[in-house]
Amino acid sequence: MYSEKISTKDRIINNDKYDYYIAIDWSQSNMAVATLKKEGVKPKITDVDSDVKHLKAYLSNLKGSKIVTIEETTSTHWLYVELYEYAEKILICDPYRNRLLSEGPKTDKLDAGKLSLLLRSGLLKEVFHSLDKTYELRKLVRDYEQLVKLGTRVKNEKSAIYRGAGRSYKKLEKIDDEILKWIINQKDKRIDLYNEQKREYEKKFSEIVGQNKNLQYMKGINGIGVIRAVTILSNVVDANRFKTGGKYLSYCGLVKHQKMSGGKSYGKKNTRCNRGLKAVYKSAAISVINGNCPLREYYDSLLSKGIPEDNARNQISRRIALITYGILKTGTKYNPYKWRESKPKEKAD
């Protein structure tokens, strides 16, 4: 059902490669389309009613190679899929990094024009999108995460009612107020529904794991179960988009960037990262530390070397992240004692 191979177009922007650089500012009511030729100075901009059929026809009529950019929004992936065959490349760009668009007057036409100039200059930061079926897992995982948030909120609301009445929620002490008892009964119904839906999602995740060898390999890693494995795959999709393990760690927010200026170091800064993956690896490390497994042995070996607990815990997070990265990139099964093999051998007498 979910393929393990990714078929994507080249993500490297070659400024001399395309004849047209097209930026689209899309909304439900209108779309601004800016078209900049390879040798052009000023883009041609139109602002018309939103119509994907009209957009496809326009792209088809342009003779030559085309690259199209759209800022990341809720409708972006739909546009990515619809327009994929009508250009040599569709680049979804990160609006957080497009600071030029915030300067001066702001309209859809001006934004589209600036985007086309940034596109031709190679100054846009790409957001990963793919036609691979694995990408669709994101929707399932995101919906599950929203369900968990809603369920947690209802449980917290029930707990707050008990605290407000001077009673213990954990001990389920009796509350005499009839109104409060009625409210608690409604909360219990929602919690029961939440638990039932949560089980359905977990059943679906287990089915997906059973169909994907890499997910089965990841599930065997200490601290990574079914849900965490599916969450990792849904966010990564294609591990080959990260050239090195260090870049993957940066994407997960598990390393910091050095701040240097004038040959002087000004410490380190946190990276903009995938918070979902960061939470997965941090929580997985805690599970390892509280358990009895090969990675716990590795954690103990770090402590024995005098490494502080928080640094050792972070190193476990990075170790788990690199293991999952390796599985997704090579399809190789996890060796829990690989860390021992990397230790220097003792010299013979």
C-alpha atoms as a PDB file:
ATOM      1  CA  MET A   1       0.000   0.000   0.000  1.00  0.00           C
ATOM      2  CA  TYR A   2       2.744   2.430   0.971  1.00  0.00           C
ATOM      3  CA  SER A   3       5.719   2.239  -1.385  1.00  0.00           C
ATOM      4  CA  GLU A   4       9.236   2.564  -0.029  1.00  0.00           C
ATOM      5  CA  LYS A   5      10.774   4.070  -3.169  1.00  0.00           C
ATOM      6  CA  ILE A   6      10.535   7.802  -3.821  1.00  0.00           C
ATOM      7  CA  SER A   7      10.229   9.219  -7.327  1.00  0.00           C
ATOM      8  CA  THR A   8      10.933  12.957  -7.145  1.00  0.00           C
ATOM      9  CA  LYS A   9      12.271  15.611  -9.472  1.00  0.00           C
ATOM     10  CA  ASP A  10      15.691  17.182  -9.006  1.00  0.00           C
ATOM     11  CA  ARG A  11      15.527  19.720  -6.168  1.00  0.00           C
ATOM     12  CA  ILE A  12      18.651  21.691  -7.153  1.00  0.00           C
ATOM     13  CA  ILE A  13      17.818  25.067  -8.693  1.00  0.00           C
ATOM     14  CA  ASN A  14      19.983  25.919 -11.713  1.00  0.00           C
ATOM     15  CA  ASN A  15      19.384  29.564 -12.575  1.00  0.00           C
ATOM     16  CA  ASP A  16      20.232  28.989 -16.259  1.00  0.00           C
ATOM     17  CA  LYS A  17      18.181  25.829 -16.586  1.00  0.00           C
ATOM     18  CA  TYR A  18      14.692  27.270 -17.093  1.00  0.00           C
ATOM     19  CA  ASP A  19      13.152  29.588 -19.653  1.00  0.00           C
ATOM     20  CA  TYR A  20      10.369  30.784 -17.339  1.00  0.00           C
ATOM     21  CA  TYR A  21      10.301  31.483 -13.607  1.00  0.00           C
ATOM     22  CA  ILE A  22       6.690  31.548 -12.446  1.00  0.00           C
ATOM     23  CA  ALA A  23       5.399  32.527  -8.989  1.00  0.00           C
ATOM     24  CA  ILE A  24       1.798  31.942  -7.923  1.00  0.00           C
ATOM     25  CA  ASP A  25       0.079  33.686  -5.020  1.00  0.00           C
ATOM     26  CA  TRP A  26      -3.021  31.532  -4.577  1.00  0.00           C
ATOM     27  CA  SER A  27      -6.144  32.151  -2.526  1.00  0.00           C
ATOM     28  CA  GLN A  28      -9.710  30.850  -2.704  1.00  0.00           C
ATOM     29  CA  SER A  29     -10.982  33.932  -4.532  1.00  0.00           C
ATOM     30  CA  ASN A  30      -8.080  35.043  -6.733  1.00  0.00           C
ATOM     31  CA  MET A  31      -4.613  34.132  -7.930  1.00  0.00           C
ATOM     32  CA  ALA A  32      -1.722  36.390  -8.845  1.00  0.00           C
ATOM     33  CA  VAL A  33       0.643  34.841 -11.403  1.00  0.00           C
ATOM     34  CA  ALA A  34       4.055  36.417 -12.083  1.00  0.00           C
ATOM     35  CA  THR A  35       6.044  35.167 -15.088  1.00  0.00           C
ATOM     36  CA  LEU A  36       9.698  36.135 -15.418  1.00  0.00           C
ATOM     37  CA  LYS A  37      11.724  35.127 -18.473  1.00  0.00           C
ATOM     38  CA  LYS A  38      15.289  33.894 -18.129  1.00  0.00           C
ATOM     39  CA  GLU A  39      16.715  37.095 -19.602  1.00  0.00           C
ATOM     40  CA  GLY A  40      13.865  39.330 -18.427  1.00  0.00           C
ATOM     41  CA  VAL A  41      14.180  42.302 -16.066  1.00  0.00           C
ATOM     42  CA  LYS A  42      10.588  42.729 -14.921  1.00  0.00           C
ATOM     43  CA  PRO A  43       7.993  39.974 -14.451  1.00  0.00           C
ATOM     44  CA  LYS A  44       4.640  39.998 -16.208  1.00  0.00           C
ATOM     45  CA  ILE A  45       1.923  39.797 -13.534  1.00  0.00           C
ATOM     46  CA  THR A  46      -1.765  38.984 -13.831  1.00  0.00           C
ATOM     47  CA  ASP A  47      -4.402  38.852 -11.097  1.00  0.00           C
ATOM     48  CA  VAL A  48      -7.482  36.804 -11.982  1.00  0.00           C
ATOM     49  CA  ASP A  49     -10.081  34.583 -10.353  1.00  0.00           C
ATOM     50  CA  SER A  50      -8.672  31.339  -8.927  1.00  0.00           C
ATOM     51  CA  ASP A  51      -9.085  28.591 -11.511  1.00  0.00           C
ATOM     52  CA  VAL A  52      -6.722  25.618 -11.629  1.00  0.00           C
ATOM     53  CA  LYS A  53      -7.894  24.663 -15.135  1.00  0.00           C
ATOM     54  CA  HIS A  54      -7.049  28.142 -16.403  1.00  0.00           C
ATOM     55  CA  LEU A  55      -3.670  27.881 -14.663  1.00  0.00           C
ATOM     56  CA  LYS A  56      -2.908  24.537 -16.315  1.00  0.00           C
ATOM     57  CA  ALA A  57      -3.825  25.946 -19.731  1.00  0.00           C
ATOM     58  CA  TYR A  58      -1.589  28.970 -19.166  1.00  0.00           C
ATOM     59  CA  LEU A  59       1.404  26.797 -18.220  1.00  0.00           C
ATOM     60  CA  SER A  60       0.797  24.487 -21.181  1.00  0.00           C
ATOM     61  CA  ASN A  61       0.865  27.432 -23.628  1.00  0.00           C
ATOM     62  CA  LEU A  62       4.286  28.606 -22.457  1.00  0.00           C
ATOM     63  CA  LYS A  63       6.862  27.164 -24.850  1.00  0.00           C
ATOM     64  CA  GLY A  64      10.035  26.257 -23.000  1.00  0.00           C
ATOM     65  CA  SER A  65      11.146  24.896 -19.633  1.00  0.00           C
ATOM     66  CA  LYS A  66       9.294  26.164 -16.558  1.00  0.00           C
ATOM     67  CA  ILE A  67       9.826  26.259 -12.819  1.00  0.00           C
ATOM     68  CA  VAL A  68       6.888  27.232 -10.609  1.00  0.00           C
ATOM     69  CA  THR A  69       6.970  28.370  -6.989  1.00  0.00           C
ATOM     70  CA  ILE A  70       4.133  28.592  -4.471  1.00  0.00           C
ATOM     71  CA  GLU A  71       4.348  29.540  -0.808  1.00  0.00           C
ATOM     72  CA  GLU A  72       3.511  26.807   1.705  1.00  0.00           C
ATOM     73  CA  THR A  73      -0.161  27.039   2.802  1.00  0.00           C
ATOM     74  CA  THR A  74      -2.991  24.615   3.556  1.00  0.00           C
ATOM     75  CA  SER A  75      -3.851  24.200  -0.148  1.00  0.00           C
ATOM     76  CA  THR A  76      -0.261  23.938  -1.359  1.00  0.00           C
ATOM     77  CA  HIS A  77       0.016  20.157  -1.641  1.00  0.00           C
ATOM     78  CA  TRP A  78      -3.179  20.015  -3.689  1.00  0.00           C
ATOM     79  CA  LEU A  79      -1.689  22.559  -6.107  1.00  0.00           C
ATOM     80  CA  TYR A  80       1.606  20.652  -6.125  1.00  0.00           C
ATOM     81  CA  VAL A  81      -0.206  17.491  -7.261  1.00  0.00           C
ATOM     82  CA  GLU A  82      -2.404  19.319  -9.793  1.00  0.00           C
ATOM     83  CA  LEU A  83       0.442  21.229 -11.472  1.00  0.00           C
ATOM     84  CA  TYR A  84       3.190  18.618 -11.214  1.00  0.00           C
ATOM     85  CA  GLU A  85       2.968  17.541 -14.865  1.00  0.00           C
ATOM     86  CA  TYR A  86       2.766  21.102 -16.213  1.00  0.00           C
ATOM     87  CA  ALA A  87       6.271  22.290 -15.279  1.00  0.00           C
ATOM     88  CA  GLU A  88       9.765  20.877 -15.077  1.00  0.00           C
ATOM     89  CA  LYS A  89       9.789  21.642 -11.356  1.00  0.00           C
ATOM     90  CA  ILE A  90       7.305  22.753  -8.690  1.00  0.00           C
ATOM     91  CA  LEU A  91       9.093  24.428  -5.794  1.00  0.00           C
ATOM     92  CA  ILE A  92       7.085  24.929  -2.610  1.00  0.00           C
ATOM     93  CA  CYS A  93       8.863  27.675  -0.670  1.00  0.00           C
ATOM     94  CA  ASP A  94       9.003  28.492   3.032  1.00  0.00           C
ATOM     95  CA  PRO A  95       7.136  31.807   3.669  1.00  0.00           C
ATOM     96  CA  TYR A  96       8.991  32.263   6.964  1.00  0.00           C
ATOM     97  CA  ARG A  97      12.209  32.928   5.037  1.00  0.00           C
ATOM     98  CA  ASN A  98      10.739  35.250   2.397  1.00  0.00           C
ATOM     99  CA  ARG A  99      11.485  38.426   4.338  1.00  0.00           C
ATOM    100  CA  LEU A 100      11.626  40.550   1.166  1.00  0.00           C
ATOM    101  CA  LEU A 101       7.862  40.161   0.814  1.00  0.00           C
ATOM    102  CA  SER A 102       7.268  42.019   4.085  1.00  0.00           C
ATOM    103  CA  GLU A 103       9.029  45.183   2.894  1.00  0.00           C
ATOM    104  CA  GLY A 104       7.098  48.063   1.337  1.00  0.00           C
ATOM    105  CA  PRO A 105       3.482  47.887   0.148  1.00  0.00           C
ATOM    106  CA  LYS A 106       1.947  44.420   0.107  1.00  0.00           C
ATOM    107  CA  THR A 107      -0.483  43.047  -2.470  1.00  0.00           C
ATOM    108  CA  ASP A 108      -0.871  39.649  -4.109  1.00  0.00           C
ATOM    109  CA  LYS A 109       0.596  40.964  -7.375  1.00  0.00           C
ATOM    110  CA  LEU A 110       3.609  42.501  -5.650  1.00  0.00           C
ATOM    111  CA  ASP A 111       4.227  39.326  -3.650  1.00  0.00           C
ATOM    112  CA  ALA A 112       4.082  37.175  -6.768  1.00  0.00           C
ATOM    113  CA  GLY A 113       6.473  39.509  -8.585  1.00  0.00           C
ATOM    114  CA  LYS A 114       9.009  39.423  -5.742  1.00  0.00           C
ATOM    115  CA  LEU A 115       8.737  35.644  -5.509  1.00  0.00           C
ATOM    116  CA  SER A 116       9.574  35.250  -9.196  1.00  0.00           C
ATOM    117  CA  LEU A 117      12.707  37.379  -8.734  1.00  0.00           C
ATOM    118  CA  LEU A 118      13.754  35.392  -5.656  1.00  0.00           C
ATOM    119  CA  LEU A 119      13.095  32.168  -7.558  1.00  0.00           C
ATOM    120  CA  ARG A 120      15.366  33.109 -10.463  1.00  0.00           C
ATOM    121  CA  SER A 121      18.076  34.234  -8.015  1.00  0.00           C
ATOM    122  CA  GLY A 122      17.944  30.881  -6.215  1.00  0.00           C
ATOM    123  CA  LEU A 123      17.098  32.529  -2.879  1.00  0.00           C
ATOM    124  CA  LEU A 124      14.030  30.496  -1.922  1.00  0.00           C
ATOM    125  CA  LYS A 125      14.073  27.822   0.779  1.00  0.00           C
ATOM    126  CA  GLU A 126      12.275  24.715  -0.451  1.00  0.00           C
ATOM    127  CA  VAL A 127       9.690  22.844   1.612  1.00  0.00           C
ATOM    128  CA  PHE A 128       9.621  19.140   0.849  1.00  0.00           C
ATOM    129  CA  HIS A 129       6.626  17.721  -1.017  1.00  0.00           C
ATOM    130  CA  SER A 130       6.275  14.425  -2.832  1.00  0.00           C
ATOM    131  CA  LEU A 131       3.823  12.447  -4.930  1.00  0.00           C
ATOM    132  CA  ASP A 132       4.833   9.276  -3.114  1.00  0.00           C
ATOM    133  CA  LYS A 133       1.995   7.573  -1.239  1.00  0.00           C
ATOM    134  CA  THR A 134       4.081   7.671   1.932  1.00  0.00           C
ATOM    135  CA  TYR A 135       3.567  11.445   1.998  1.00  0.00           C
ATOM    136  CA  GLU A 136      -0.141  10.824   2.588  1.00  0.00           C
ATOM    137  CA  LEU A 137       0.763   9.281   5.958  1.00  0.00           C
ATOM    138  CA  ARG A 138       1.245  12.827   7.227  1.00  0.00           C
ATOM    139  CA  LYS A 139      -2.479  13.441   7.102  1.00  0.00           C
ATOM    140  CA  LEU A 140      -3.152  10.315   9.152  1.00  0.00           C
ATOM    141  CA  VAL A 141      -0.480  11.144  11.745  1.00  0.00           C
ATOM    142  CA  ARG A 142      -1.547  14.799  12.021  1.00  0.00           C
ATOM    143  CA  ASP A 143      -5.177  13.763  12.542  1.00  0.00           C
ATOM    144  CA  TYR A 144      -4.107  11.289  15.227  1.00  0.00           C
ATOM    145  CA  GLU A 145      -2.082  14.014  16.965  1.00  0.00           C
ATOM    146  CA  GLN A 146      -5.100  16.324  16.941  1.00  0.00           C
ATOM    147  CA  LEU A 147      -7.228  13.537  18.418  1.00  0.00           C
ATOM    148  CA  VAL A 148      -4.709  13.023  21.242  1.00  0.00           C
ATOM    149  CA  LYS A 149      -4.681  16.766  21.975  1.00  0.00           C
ATOM    150  CA  LEU A 150      -8.475  16.844  22.176  1.00  0.00           C
ATOM    151  CA  GLY A 151      -8.569  13.765  24.413  1.00  0.00           C
ATOM    152  CA  THR A 152      -5.899  15.196  26.713  1.00  0.00           C
ATOM    153  CA  ARG A 153      -7.801  18.474  26.952  1.00  0.00           C
ATOM    154  CA  VAL A 154     -11.045  16.708  27.993  1.00  0.00           C
ATOM    155  CA  LYS A 155      -9.168  14.709  30.655  1.00  0.00           C
ATOM    156  CA  ASN A 156      -7.569  17.892  31.978  1.00  0.00           C
ATOM    157  CA  GLU A 157     -10.983  19.574  32.092  1.00  0.00           C
ATOM    158  CA  LYS A 158     -12.353  16.672  34.135  1.00  0.00           C
ATOM    159  CA  SER A 159      -9.381  16.861  36.472  1.00  0.00           C
ATOM    160  CA  ALA A 160      -9.953  20.613  36.893  1.00  0.00           C
ATOM    161  CA  ILE A 161     -13.558  19.987  37.966  1.00  0.00           C
ATOM    162  CA  TYR A 162     -12.357  17.659  40.736  1.00  0.00           C
ATOM    163  CA  ARG A 163      -9.709  20.127  41.892  1.00  0.00           C
ATOM    164  CA  GLY A 164     -12.233  22.969  41.859  1.00  0.00           C
ATOM    165  CA  ALA A 165     -14.468  20.917  44.155  1.00  0.00           C
ATOM    166  CA  GLY A 166     -11.569  20.072  46.480  1.00  0.00           C
ATOM    167  CA  ARG A 167     -11.594  16.434  45.414  1.00  0.00           C
ATOM    168  CA  SER A 168      -8.941  14.102  43.984  1.00  0.00           C
ATOM    169  CA  TYR A 169      -9.372  13.112  40.334  1.00  0.00           C
ATOM    170  CA  LYS A 170      -6.972  10.170  40.584  1.00  0.00           C
ATOM    171  CA  LYS A 171      -8.821   8.741  43.571  1.00  0.00           C
ATOM    172  CA  LEU A 172     -12.182   9.601  41.954  1.00  0.00           C
ATOM    173  CA  GLU A 173     -13.499  10.975  45.240  1.00  0.00           C
ATOM    174  CA  LYS A 174     -17.260  11.479  45.356  1.00  0.00           C
ATOM    175  CA  ILE A 175     -18.723  14.850  44.280  1.00  0.00           C
ATOM    176  CA  ASP A 176     -22.147  15.706  45.680  1.00  0.00           C
ATOM    177  CA  ASP A 177     -23.025  18.679  43.440  1.00  0.00           C
ATOM    178  CA  GLU A 178     -25.599  17.462  40.886  1.00  0.00           C
ATOM    179  CA  ILE A 179     -24.531  19.888  38.142  1.00  0.00           C
ATOM    180  CA  LEU A 180     -20.887  18.904  38.482  1.00  0.00           C
ATOM    181  CA  LYS A 181     -21.834  15.209  38.427  1.00  0.00           C
ATOM    182  CA  TRP A 182     -23.781  15.759  35.200  1.00  0.00           C
ATOM    183  CA  ILE A 183     -20.825  17.601  33.598  1.00  0.00           C
ATOM    184  CA  ILE A 184     -18.432  14.843  34.643  1.00  0.00           C
ATOM    185  CA  ASN A 185     -20.752  12.285  33.060  1.00  0.00           C
ATOM    186  CA  GLN A 186     -20.588  14.201  29.750  1.00  0.00           C
ATOM    187  CA  LYS A 187     -16.792  14.337  30.013  1.00  0.00           C
ATOM    188  CA  ASP A 188     -16.692  10.586  30.598  1.00  0.00           C
ATOM    189  CA  LYS A 189     -18.685   9.983  27.412  1.00  0.00           C
ATOM    190  CA  ARG A 190     -16.182  12.072  25.430  1.00  0.00           C
ATOM    191  CA  ILE A 191     -13.264  10.250  27.027  1.00  0.00           C
ATOM    192  CA  ASP A 192     -14.802   6.867  26.152  1.00  0.00           C
ATOM    193  CA  LEU A 193     -15.271   8.015  22.550  1.00  0.00           C
ATOM    194  CA  TYR A 194     -11.685   9.296  22.476  1.00  0.00           C
ATOM    195  CA  ASN A 195     -10.328   5.974  23.747  1.00  0.00           C
ATOM    196  CA  GLU A 196     -12.327   4.078  21.132  1.00  0.00           C
ATOM    197  CA  GLN A 197     -11.116   6.302  18.278  1.00  0.00           C
ATOM    198  CA  LYS A 198      -7.555   6.142  19.570  1.00  0.00           C
ATOM    199  CA  ARG A 199      -7.643   2.345  19.422  1.00  0.00           C
ATOM    200  CA  GLU A 200      -8.897   2.519  15.818  1.00  0.00           C
ATOM    201  CA  TYR A 201      -5.966   4.740  14.842  1.00  0.00           C
ATOM    202  CA  GLU A 202      -3.487   2.453  16.585  1.00  0.00           C
ATOM    203  CA  LYS A 203      -4.980  -0.521  14.737  1.00  0.00           C
ATOM    204  CA  LYS A 204      -4.521   1.351  11.442  1.00  0.00           C
ATOM    205  CA  PHE A 205      -0.904   2.178  12.313  1.00  0.00           C
ATOM    206  CA  SER A 206      -0.220  -1.496  13.071  1.00  0.00           C
ATOM    207  CA  GLU A 207      -1.609  -2.469   9.656  1.00  0.00           C
ATOM    208  CA  ILE A 208       0.699   0.050   7.967  1.00  0.00           C
ATOM    209  CA  VAL A 209       3.728  -1.235   9.886  1.00  0.00           C
ATOM    210  CA  GLY A 210       2.912  -4.773   8.756  1.00  0.00           C
ATOM    211  CA  GLN A 211       3.157  -3.639   5.119  1.00  0.00           C
ATOM    212  CA  ASN A 212       6.468  -1.771   5.335  1.00  0.00           C
ATOM    213  CA  LYS A 213       9.794  -3.458   6.094  1.00  0.00           C
ATOM    214  CA  ASN A 214      11.533  -0.228   7.175  1.00  0.00           C
ATOM    215  CA  LEU A 215       8.777   0.447   9.700  1.00  0.00           C
ATOM    216  CA  GLN A 216       9.197  -3.065  11.071  1.00  0.00           C
ATOM    217  CA  TYR A 217      12.936  -2.459  11.435  1.00  0.00           C
ATOM    218  CA  MET A 218      12.337   0.866  13.217  1.00  0.00           C
ATOM    219  CA  LYS A 219       9.796  -0.676  15.560  1.00  0.00           C
ATOM    220  CA  GLY A 220      12.603  -2.925  16.815  1.00  0.00           C
ATOM    221  CA  ILE A 221      14.632   0.047  18.032  1.00  0.00           C
ATOM    222  CA  ASN A 222      14.553   0.668  21.781  1.00  0.00           C
ATOM    223  CA  GLY A 223      12.132   3.527  22.511  1.00  0.00           C
ATOM    224  CA  ILE A 224      10.484   3.402  19.067  1.00  0.00           C
ATOM    225  CA  GLY A 225       7.139   1.645  18.893  1.00  0.00           C
ATOM    226  CA  VAL A 226       4.454   1.493  16.231  1.00  0.00           C
ATOM    227  CA  ILE A 227       3.195   5.080  16.533  1.00  0.00           C
ATOM    228  CA  ARG A 228       6.637   6.659  16.738  1.00  0.00           C
ATOM    229  CA  ALA A 229       7.864   4.627  13.765  1.00  0.00           C
ATOM    230  CA  VAL A 230       4.943   5.745  11.590  1.00  0.00           C
ATOM    231  CA  THR A 231       5.399   9.343  12.776  1.00  0.00           C
ATOM    232  CA  ILE A 232       9.067   9.292  11.744  1.00  0.00           C
ATOM    233  CA  LEU A 233       8.348   7.868   8.293  1.00  0.00           C
ATOM    234  CA  SER A 234       5.481  10.295   7.671  1.00  0.00           C
ATOM    235  CA  ASN A 235       7.766  13.263   8.361  1.00  0.00           C
ATOM    236  CA  VAL A 236      10.868  11.988   6.566  1.00  0.00           C
ATOM    237  CA  VAL A 237       9.275  10.199   3.556  1.00  0.00           C
ATOM    238  CA  ASP A 238      12.575  10.200   1.628  1.00  0.00           C
ATOM    239  CA  ALA A 239      15.740   9.926   3.742  1.00  0.00           C
ATOM    240  CA  ASN A 240      17.869  10.577   0.656  1.00  0.00           C
ATOM    241  CA  ARG A 241      16.912  14.246   0.785  1.00  0.00           C
ATOM    242  CA  PHE A 242      19.325  14.543   3.727  1.00  0.00           C
ATOM    243  CA  LYS A 243      22.884  14.205   2.396  1.00  0.00           C
ATOM    244  CA  THR A 244      24.384  13.388   5.802  1.00  0.00           C
ATOM    245  CA  GLY A 245      23.310  12.281   9.247  1.00  0.00           C
ATOM    246  CA  GLY A 246      24.333  15.703  10.562  1.00  0.00           C
ATOM    247  CA  LYS A 247      21.827  17.436   8.293  1.00  0.00           C
ATOM    248  CA  TYR A 248      19.146  15.053   9.498  1.00  0.00           C
ATOM    249  CA  LEU A 249      19.994  15.815  13.136  1.00  0.00           C
ATOM    250  CA  SER A 250      19.723  19.514  12.345  1.00  0.00           C
ATOM    251  CA  TYR A 251      16.312  18.946  10.719  1.00  0.00           C
ATOM    252  CA  CYS A 252      15.201  17.167  13.908  1.00  0.00           C
ATOM    253  CA  GLY A 253      16.510  19.994  16.143  1.00  0.00           C
ATOM    254  CA  LEU A 254      18.961  17.698  17.935  1.00  0.00           C
ATOM    255  CA  VAL A 255      22.063  19.815  17.234  1.00  0.00           C
ATOM    256  CA  LYS A 256      22.788  23.536  17.453  1.00  0.00           C
ATOM    257  CA  HIS A 257      24.427  25.818  14.887  1.00  0.00           C
ATOM    258  CA  GLN A 258      27.649  27.673  15.629  1.00  0.00           C
ATOM    259  CA  LYS A 259      27.480  31.487  15.590  1.00  0.00           C
ATOM    260  CA  MET A 260      30.704  32.951  14.194  1.00  0.00           C
ATOM    261  CA  SER A 261      31.612  36.471  13.102  1.00  0.00           C
ATOM    262  CA  GLY A 262      35.001  38.042  12.525  1.00  0.00           C
ATOM    263  CA  GLY A 263      36.702  34.815  13.555  1.00  0.00           C
ATOM    264  CA  LYS A 264      35.022  35.002  16.966  1.00  0.00           C
ATOM    265  CA  SER A 265      32.539  32.502  18.352  1.00  0.00           C
ATOM    266  CA  TYR A 266      29.313  33.829  19.843  1.00  0.00           C
ATOM    267  CA  GLY A 267      28.044  30.481  21.115  1.00  0.00           C
ATOM    268  CA  LYS A 268      25.420  28.304  19.493  1.00  0.00           C
ATOM    269  CA  LYS A 269      21.815  28.800  18.468  1.00  0.00           C
ATOM    270  CA  ASN A 270      18.860  26.478  18.135  1.00  0.00           C
ATOM    271  CA  THR A 271      17.803  25.578  14.607  1.00  0.00           C
ATOM    272  CA  ARG A 272      14.357  25.859  13.059  1.00  0.00           C
ATOM    273  CA  CYS A 273      13.382  22.234  13.076  1.00  0.00           C
ATOM    274  CA  ASN A 274      10.674  19.630  12.765  1.00  0.00           C
ATOM    275  CA  ARG A 275       9.214  19.757  16.273  1.00  0.00           C
ATOM    276  CA  GLY A 276       7.312  16.529  15.815  1.00  0.00           C
ATOM    277  CA  LEU A 277      10.478  14.543  15.144  1.00  0.00           C
ATOM    278  CA  LYS A 278      12.310  16.293  17.962  1.00  0.00           C
ATOM    279  CA  ALA A 279       9.567  15.276  20.399  1.00  0.00           C
ATOM    280  CA  VAL A 280       9.658  11.678  19.113  1.00  0.00           C
ATOM    281  CA  TYR A 281      13.403  11.282  19.648  1.00  0.00           C
ATOM    282  CA  LYS A 282      13.429  13.073  23.006  1.00  0.00           C
ATOM    283  CA  SER A 283      10.609  10.908  24.362  1.00  0.00           C
ATOM    284  CA  ALA A 284      12.235   7.778  22.894  1.00  0.00           C
ATOM    285  CA  ALA A 285      15.447   8.607  24.798  1.00  0.00           C
ATOM    286  CA  ILE A 286      13.490   8.871  28.067  1.00  0.00           C
ATOM    287  CA  SER A 287      11.915   5.462  27.378  1.00  0.00           C
ATOM    288  CA  VAL A 288      15.394   3.993  26.843  1.00  0.00           C
ATOM    289  CA  ILE A 289      16.784   5.494  30.042  1.00  0.00           C
ATOM    290  CA  ASN A 290      13.876   4.134  32.079  1.00  0.00           C
ATOM    291  CA  GLY A 291      14.197   0.660  30.580  1.00  0.00           C
ATOM    292  CA  ASN A 292      16.648  -2.216  30.365  1.00  0.00           C
ATOM    293  CA  CYS A 293      18.040  -2.540  26.846  1.00  0.00           C
ATOM    294  CA  PRO A 294      21.250  -2.244  24.783  1.00  0.00           C
ATOM    295  CA  LEU A 295      20.863   1.519  24.389  1.00  0.00           C
ATOM    296  CA  ARG A 296      20.496   1.816  28.165  1.00  0.00           C
ATOM    297  CA  GLU A 297      23.888   0.100  28.411  1.00  0.00           C
ATOM    298  CA  TYR A 298      25.268   2.717  26.027  1.00  0.00           C
ATOM    299  CA  TYR A 299      23.753   5.467  28.216  1.00  0.00           C
ATOM    300  CA  ASP A 300      25.409   3.953  31.302  1.00  0.00           C
ATOM    301  CA  SER A 301      28.741   3.835  29.464  1.00  0.00           C
ATOM    302  CA  LEU A 302      28.445   7.558  28.740  1.00  0.00           C
ATOM    303  CA  LEU A 303      27.753   8.314  32.407  1.00  0.00           C
ATOM    304  CA  SER A 304      30.758   6.211  33.435  1.00  0.00           C
ATOM    305  CA  LYS A 305      32.945   8.503  31.309  1.00  0.00           C
ATOM    306  CA  GLY A 306      31.818  11.509  33.338  1.00  0.00           C
ATOM    307  CA  ILE A 307      29.361  12.875  30.772  1.00  0.00           C
ATOM    308  CA  PRO A 308      26.539  14.829  32.498  1.00  0.00           C
ATOM    309  CA  GLU A 309      23.104  13.193  32.496  1.00  0.00           C
ATOM    310  CA  ASP A 310      21.457  15.788  30.245  1.00  0.00           C
ATOM    311  CA  ASN A 311      24.257  15.533  27.675  1.00  0.00           C
ATOM    312  CA  ALA A 312      24.127  11.741  27.784  1.00  0.00           C
ATOM    313  CA  ARG A 313      20.351  11.827  27.315  1.00  0.00           C
ATOM    314  CA  ASN A 314      20.751  14.144  24.303  1.00  0.00           C
ATOM    315  CA  GLN A 315      23.353  11.796  22.875  1.00  0.00           C
ATOM    316  CA  ILE A 316      20.896   8.909  23.171  1.00  0.00           C
ATOM    317  CA  SER A 317      18.326  11.006  21.259  1.00  0.00           C
ATOM    318  CA  ARG A 318      20.843  11.623  18.504  1.00  0.00           C
ATOM    319  CA  ARG A 319      21.859   7.957  18.444  1.00  0.00           C
ATOM    320  CA  ILE A 320      18.231   6.840  17.970  1.00  0.00           C
ATOM    321  CA  ALA A 321      17.728   9.485  15.272  1.00  0.00           C
ATOM    322  CA  LEU A 322      20.798   8.323  13.343  1.00  0.00           C
ATOM    323  CA  ILE A 323      19.697   4.687  13.608  1.00  0.00           C
ATOM    324  CA  THR A 324      16.267   5.469  12.116  1.00  0.00           C
ATOM    325  CA  TYR A 325      17.912   7.660   9.461  1.00  0.00           C
ATOM    326  CA  GLY A 326      20.185   4.770   8.491  1.00  0.00           C
ATOM    327  CA  ILE A 327      17.275   2.326   8.262  1.00  0.00           C
ATOM    328  CA  LEU A 328      15.237   4.654   6.040  1.00  0.00           C
ATOM    329  CA  LYS A 329      18.208   5.418   3.817  1.00  0.00           C
ATOM    330  CA  THR A 330      19.669   1.938   3.392  1.00  0.00           C
ATOM    331  CA  GLY A 331      16.902  -0.466   4.440  1.00  0.00           C
ATOM    332  CA  THR A 332      19.378  -2.146   6.798  1.00  0.00           C
ATOM    333  CA  LYS A 333      18.181  -3.838   9.983  1.00  0.00           C
ATOM    334  CA  TYR A 334      19.197  -2.289  13.304  1.00  0.00           C
ATOM    335  CA  ASN A 335      22.175  -3.811  15.135  1.00  0.00           C
ATOM    336  CA  PRO A 336      21.667  -2.938  18.841  1.00  0.00           C
ATOM    337  CA  TYR A 337      25.335  -3.488  19.718  1.00  0.00           C
ATOM    338  CA  LYS A 338      26.834  -1.454  16.869  1.00  0.00           C
ATOM    339  CA  TRP A 339      28.133   1.076  19.414  1.00  0.00           C
ATOM    340  CA  ARG A 340      30.341  -1.624  20.942  1.00  0.00           C
ATOM    341  CA  GLU A 341      31.900  -2.383  17.574  1.00  0.00           C
ATOM    342  CA  SER A 342      32.953   1.254  17.226  1.00  0.00           C
ATOM    343  CA  LYS A 343      34.926   1.165  20.483  1.00  0.00           C
ATOM    344  CA  PRO A 344      38.741   1.068  20.050  1.00  0.00           C
ATOM    345  CA  LYS A 345      40.203  -2.407  20.550  1.00  0.00           C
ATOM    346  CA  GLU A 346      42.500  -2.979  23.514  1.00  0.00           C
ATOM    347  CA  LYS A 347      46.123  -3.611  22.690  1.00  0.00           C
ATOM    348  CA  ALA A 348      47.362  -7.164  23.185  1.00  0.00           C
ATOM    349  CA  ASP A 349      49.964  -7.844  25.897  1.00  0.00           C
END
